[in-house]
Amino acid sequence: MSTITLIFTIIFLIASLVLIVSVLMQSGKSAGLSGSIGGGAEQLFGKQKGRSMDAMFEKMTAIAAVAFMLSAIILLVLQKYN
């Protein structure tokens, strides 16, 4: 296994673990009438919308998903040409 393949394999594994953890740590969307009322009030009147833990996990999920997909594509190309 070449060095570049090893590096992208490690990136792939770390991105997959971060993706799993960040998805599991996000709070679920509330269902029903009580969830829509309470969630709407928090969304409208929440003072720290951009600084909440949910916002951090959403950003982490997006970054990990991009890293996961790019490393998967790069590993596929490296496997094909090596």
N, C-alpha and C. Protein backbone atom coordinates (compact mmCIF):
# COMPACT_ATOMS: atom_id res chain seq x y z
N MET A 1 0.85 -1.17 0.00
CA MET A 1 0.00 0.00 0.00
C MET A 1 0.90 1.23 0.00
N SER A 2 0.64 2.11 -0.94
CA SER A 2 1.46 3.31 -1.03
C SER A 2 1.11 4.29 0.08
N THR A 3 1.98 5.25 0.26
CA THR A 3 1.80 6.23 1.33
C THR A 3 0.55 7.08 1.10
N ILE A 4 0.32 7.48 -0.13
CA ILE A 4 -0.85 8.34 -0.41
C ILE A 4 -2.15 7.58 -0.19
N THR A 5 -2.15 6.29 -0.51
CA THR A 5 -3.33 5.47 -0.26
C THR A 5 -3.58 5.33 1.23
N LEU A 6 -2.53 5.17 1.99
CA LEU A 6 -2.66 5.07 3.45
C LEU A 6 -3.19 6.36 4.05
N ILE A 7 -2.72 7.48 3.56
CA ILE A 7 -3.18 8.78 4.06
C ILE A 7 -4.67 8.97 3.79
N PHE A 8 -5.10 8.66 2.57
CA PHE A 8 -6.52 8.83 2.24
C PHE A 8 -7.40 7.79 2.93
N THR A 9 -6.85 6.62 3.22
CA THR A 9 -7.60 5.63 3.98
C THR A 9 -7.84 6.11 5.41
N ILE A 10 -6.83 6.72 6.00
CA ILE A 10 -6.98 7.27 7.35
C ILE A 10 -7.98 8.42 7.36
N ILE A 11 -7.90 9.30 6.35
CA ILE A 11 -8.87 10.40 6.24
C ILE A 11 -10.28 9.84 6.07
N PHE A 12 -10.41 8.78 5.28
CA PHE A 12 -11.70 8.14 5.04
C PHE A 12 -12.28 7.58 6.34
N LEU A 13 -11.47 6.91 7.13
CA LEU A 13 -11.93 6.33 8.39
C LEU A 13 -12.31 7.41 9.41
N ILE A 14 -11.49 8.44 9.52
CA ILE A 14 -11.79 9.53 10.46
C ILE A 14 -13.06 10.25 10.04
N ALA A 15 -13.22 10.53 8.75
CA ALA A 15 -14.42 11.21 8.27
C ALA A 15 -15.66 10.38 8.51
N SER A 16 -15.55 9.06 8.34
CA SER A 16 -16.73 8.22 8.57
C SER A 16 -17.11 8.19 10.04
N LEU A 17 -16.13 8.14 10.93
CA LEU A 17 -16.43 8.16 12.36
C LEU A 17 -17.03 9.50 12.80
N VAL A 18 -16.47 10.59 12.31
CA VAL A 18 -17.00 11.91 12.64
C VAL A 18 -18.41 12.07 12.11
N LEU A 19 -18.66 11.54 10.92
CA LEU A 19 -20.00 11.61 10.32
C LEU A 19 -21.01 10.84 11.16
N ILE A 20 -20.64 9.66 11.59
CA ILE A 20 -21.54 8.85 12.42
C ILE A 20 -21.84 9.55 13.74
N VAL A 21 -20.82 10.05 14.41
CA VAL A 21 -21.00 10.69 15.71
C VAL A 21 -21.80 11.98 15.57
N SER A 22 -21.51 12.78 14.56
CA SER A 22 -22.21 14.05 14.43
C SER A 22 -23.68 13.86 14.07
N VAL A 23 -24.00 12.83 13.30
CA VAL A 23 -25.41 12.57 12.99
C VAL A 23 -26.14 12.06 14.23
N LEU A 24 -25.50 11.20 14.99
CA LEU A 24 -26.15 10.66 16.18
C LEU A 24 -26.30 11.69 17.29
N MET A 25 -25.44 12.69 17.35
CA MET A 25 -25.50 13.69 18.40
C MET A 25 -26.51 14.80 18.11
N GLN A 26 -26.98 14.91 16.87
CA GLN A 26 -27.96 15.94 16.55
C GLN A 26 -29.29 15.60 17.18
N SER A 27 -29.98 16.63 17.63
CA SER A 27 -31.30 16.39 18.21
C SER A 27 -32.30 16.19 17.08
N GLY A 28 -33.26 15.32 17.32
CA GLY A 28 -34.27 15.03 16.32
C GLY A 28 -35.27 16.16 16.20
N LYS A 29 -35.90 16.23 15.07
CA LYS A 29 -36.95 17.23 14.88
C LYS A 29 -38.19 16.77 15.63
N SER A 30 -38.76 17.64 16.42
CA SER A 30 -39.94 17.29 17.21
C SER A 30 -41.14 17.10 16.30
N ALA A 31 -41.93 16.11 16.62
CA ALA A 31 -43.12 15.84 15.82
C ALA A 31 -44.36 16.21 16.62
N GLY A 32 -45.43 16.47 15.95
CA GLY A 32 -46.68 16.77 16.62
C GLY A 32 -46.85 18.25 16.89
N LEU A 33 -47.99 18.56 17.51
CA LEU A 33 -48.36 19.95 17.76
C LEU A 33 -47.45 20.60 18.81
N SER A 34 -47.13 19.89 19.87
CA SER A 34 -46.30 20.50 20.92
C SER A 34 -44.89 20.76 20.41
N GLY A 35 -44.38 19.90 19.57
CA GLY A 35 -43.05 20.13 19.03
C GLY A 35 -43.01 21.29 18.06
N SER A 36 -44.08 21.47 17.30
CA SER A 36 -44.09 22.58 16.35
C SER A 36 -44.23 23.92 17.07
N ILE A 37 -44.99 23.96 18.15
CA ILE A 37 -45.14 25.21 18.89
C ILE A 37 -43.85 25.54 19.64
N GLY A 38 -43.33 24.59 20.36
CA GLY A 38 -42.11 24.84 21.14
C GLY A 38 -40.90 25.09 20.26
N GLY A 39 -40.77 24.31 19.19
CA GLY A 39 -39.65 24.49 18.28
C GLY A 39 -39.71 25.80 17.53
N GLY A 40 -40.93 26.21 17.16
CA GLY A 40 -41.08 27.48 16.45
C GLY A 40 -40.73 28.67 17.32
N ALA A 41 -41.13 28.61 18.59
CA ALA A 41 -40.82 29.71 19.50
C ALA A 41 -39.31 29.80 19.73
N GLU A 42 -38.68 28.65 19.86
CA GLU A 42 -37.23 28.68 20.09
C GLU A 42 -36.51 29.17 18.85
N GLN A 43 -37.01 28.81 17.69
CA GLN A 43 -36.37 29.23 16.46
C GLN A 43 -36.52 30.73 16.23
N LEU A 44 -37.69 31.25 16.56
CA LEU A 44 -37.93 32.68 16.35
C LEU A 44 -37.25 33.54 17.40
N PHE A 45 -37.30 33.09 18.65
CA PHE A 45 -36.82 33.93 19.73
C PHE A 45 -35.50 33.47 20.33
N GLY A 46 -34.89 32.45 19.76
CA GLY A 46 -33.61 31.97 20.29
C GLY A 46 -32.52 32.99 20.05
N LYS A 47 -31.76 33.29 21.08
CA LYS A 47 -30.74 34.34 20.95
C LYS A 47 -29.45 33.80 20.35
N GLN A 48 -29.21 32.52 20.47
CA GLN A 48 -27.95 31.96 19.99
C GLN A 48 -28.21 30.93 18.91
N LYS A 49 -28.87 31.35 17.85
CA LYS A 49 -29.19 30.41 16.77
C LYS A 49 -27.91 29.87 16.12
N GLY A 50 -26.98 30.74 15.81
CA GLY A 50 -25.77 30.33 15.11
C GLY A 50 -24.74 29.67 15.99
N ARG A 51 -24.89 29.80 17.31
CA ARG A 51 -23.87 29.29 18.22
C ARG A 51 -24.32 28.06 18.98
N SER A 52 -25.44 27.50 18.61
CA SER A 52 -25.95 26.36 19.35
C SER A 52 -25.18 25.09 18.99
N MET A 53 -25.38 24.08 19.79
CA MET A 53 -24.72 22.80 19.54
C MET A 53 -25.25 22.17 18.26
N ASP A 54 -26.54 22.35 17.97
CA ASP A 54 -27.11 21.79 16.75
C ASP A 54 -26.47 22.41 15.51
N ALA A 55 -26.21 23.71 15.55
CA ALA A 55 -25.56 24.36 14.42
C ALA A 55 -24.15 23.84 14.23
N MET A 56 -23.45 23.61 15.34
CA MET A 56 -22.10 23.07 15.26
C MET A 56 -22.11 21.66 14.67
N PHE A 57 -23.08 20.84 15.11
CA PHE A 57 -23.16 19.47 14.58
C PHE A 57 -23.55 19.46 13.11
N GLU A 58 -24.39 20.41 12.69
CA GLU A 58 -24.75 20.49 11.27
C GLU A 58 -23.54 20.83 10.42
N LYS A 59 -22.73 21.77 10.87
CA LYS A 59 -21.52 22.13 10.13
C LYS A 59 -20.53 20.97 10.11
N MET A 60 -20.39 20.29 11.26
CA MET A 60 -19.49 19.15 11.35
C MET A 60 -19.94 18.03 10.41
N THR A 61 -21.25 17.82 10.33
CA THR A 61 -21.79 16.79 9.45
C THR A 61 -21.51 17.12 8.00
N ALA A 62 -21.69 18.37 7.62
CA ALA A 62 -21.45 18.77 6.23
C ALA A 62 -19.98 18.62 5.85
N ILE A 63 -19.09 19.04 6.73
CA ILE A 63 -17.66 18.93 6.45
C ILE A 63 -17.23 17.48 6.38
N ALA A 64 -17.71 16.65 7.31
CA ALA A 64 -17.35 15.24 7.31
C ALA A 64 -17.92 14.53 6.08
N ALA A 65 -19.11 14.91 5.65
CA ALA A 65 -19.70 14.28 4.47
C ALA A 65 -18.89 14.59 3.21
N VAL A 66 -18.45 15.84 3.08
CA VAL A 66 -17.63 16.21 1.93
C VAL A 66 -16.30 15.48 1.96
N ALA A 67 -15.67 15.42 3.13
CA ALA A 67 -14.39 14.72 3.26
C ALA A 67 -14.56 13.23 2.97
N PHE A 68 -15.65 12.65 3.42
CA PHE A 68 -15.94 11.23 3.19
C PHE A 68 -16.09 10.94 1.70
N MET A 69 -16.89 11.77 1.02
CA MET A 69 -17.13 11.54 -0.41
C MET A 69 -15.87 11.75 -1.24
N LEU A 70 -15.14 12.83 -0.95
CA LEU A 70 -13.92 13.08 -1.71
C LEU A 70 -12.86 12.00 -1.49
N SER A 71 -12.69 11.57 -0.25
CA SER A 71 -11.70 10.53 0.00
C SER A 71 -12.13 9.20 -0.61
N ALA A 72 -13.43 8.91 -0.65
CA ALA A 72 -13.90 7.68 -1.29
C ALA A 72 -13.61 7.71 -2.79
N ILE A 73 -13.86 8.85 -3.43
CA ILE A 73 -13.59 8.98 -4.86
C ILE A 73 -12.10 8.88 -5.15
N ILE A 74 -11.30 9.54 -4.33
CA ILE A 74 -9.85 9.50 -4.53
C ILE A 74 -9.31 8.09 -4.32
N LEU A 75 -9.81 7.38 -3.30
CA LEU A 75 -9.38 6.00 -3.09
C LEU A 75 -9.78 5.09 -4.25
N LEU A 76 -10.94 5.33 -4.82
CA LEU A 76 -11.38 4.55 -5.98
C LEU A 76 -10.46 4.78 -7.17
N VAL A 77 -10.11 6.03 -7.42
CA VAL A 77 -9.22 6.35 -8.53
C VAL A 77 -7.84 5.76 -8.28
N LEU A 78 -7.35 5.87 -7.04
CA LEU A 78 -6.03 5.30 -6.74
C LEU A 78 -6.02 3.79 -6.88
N GLN A 79 -7.12 3.14 -6.51
CA GLN A 79 -7.19 1.69 -6.63
C GLN A 79 -7.22 1.27 -8.10
N LYS A 80 -7.88 2.06 -8.93
CA LYS A 80 -7.98 1.71 -10.33
C LYS A 80 -6.64 1.84 -11.06
N TYR A 81 -5.86 2.84 -10.71
CA TYR A 81 -4.61 3.10 -11.43
C TYR A 81 -3.38 2.52 -10.75
N ASN A 82 -3.53 1.83 -9.65
CA ASN A 82 -2.37 1.19 -9.02
C ASN A 82 -2.43 -0.29 -9.15
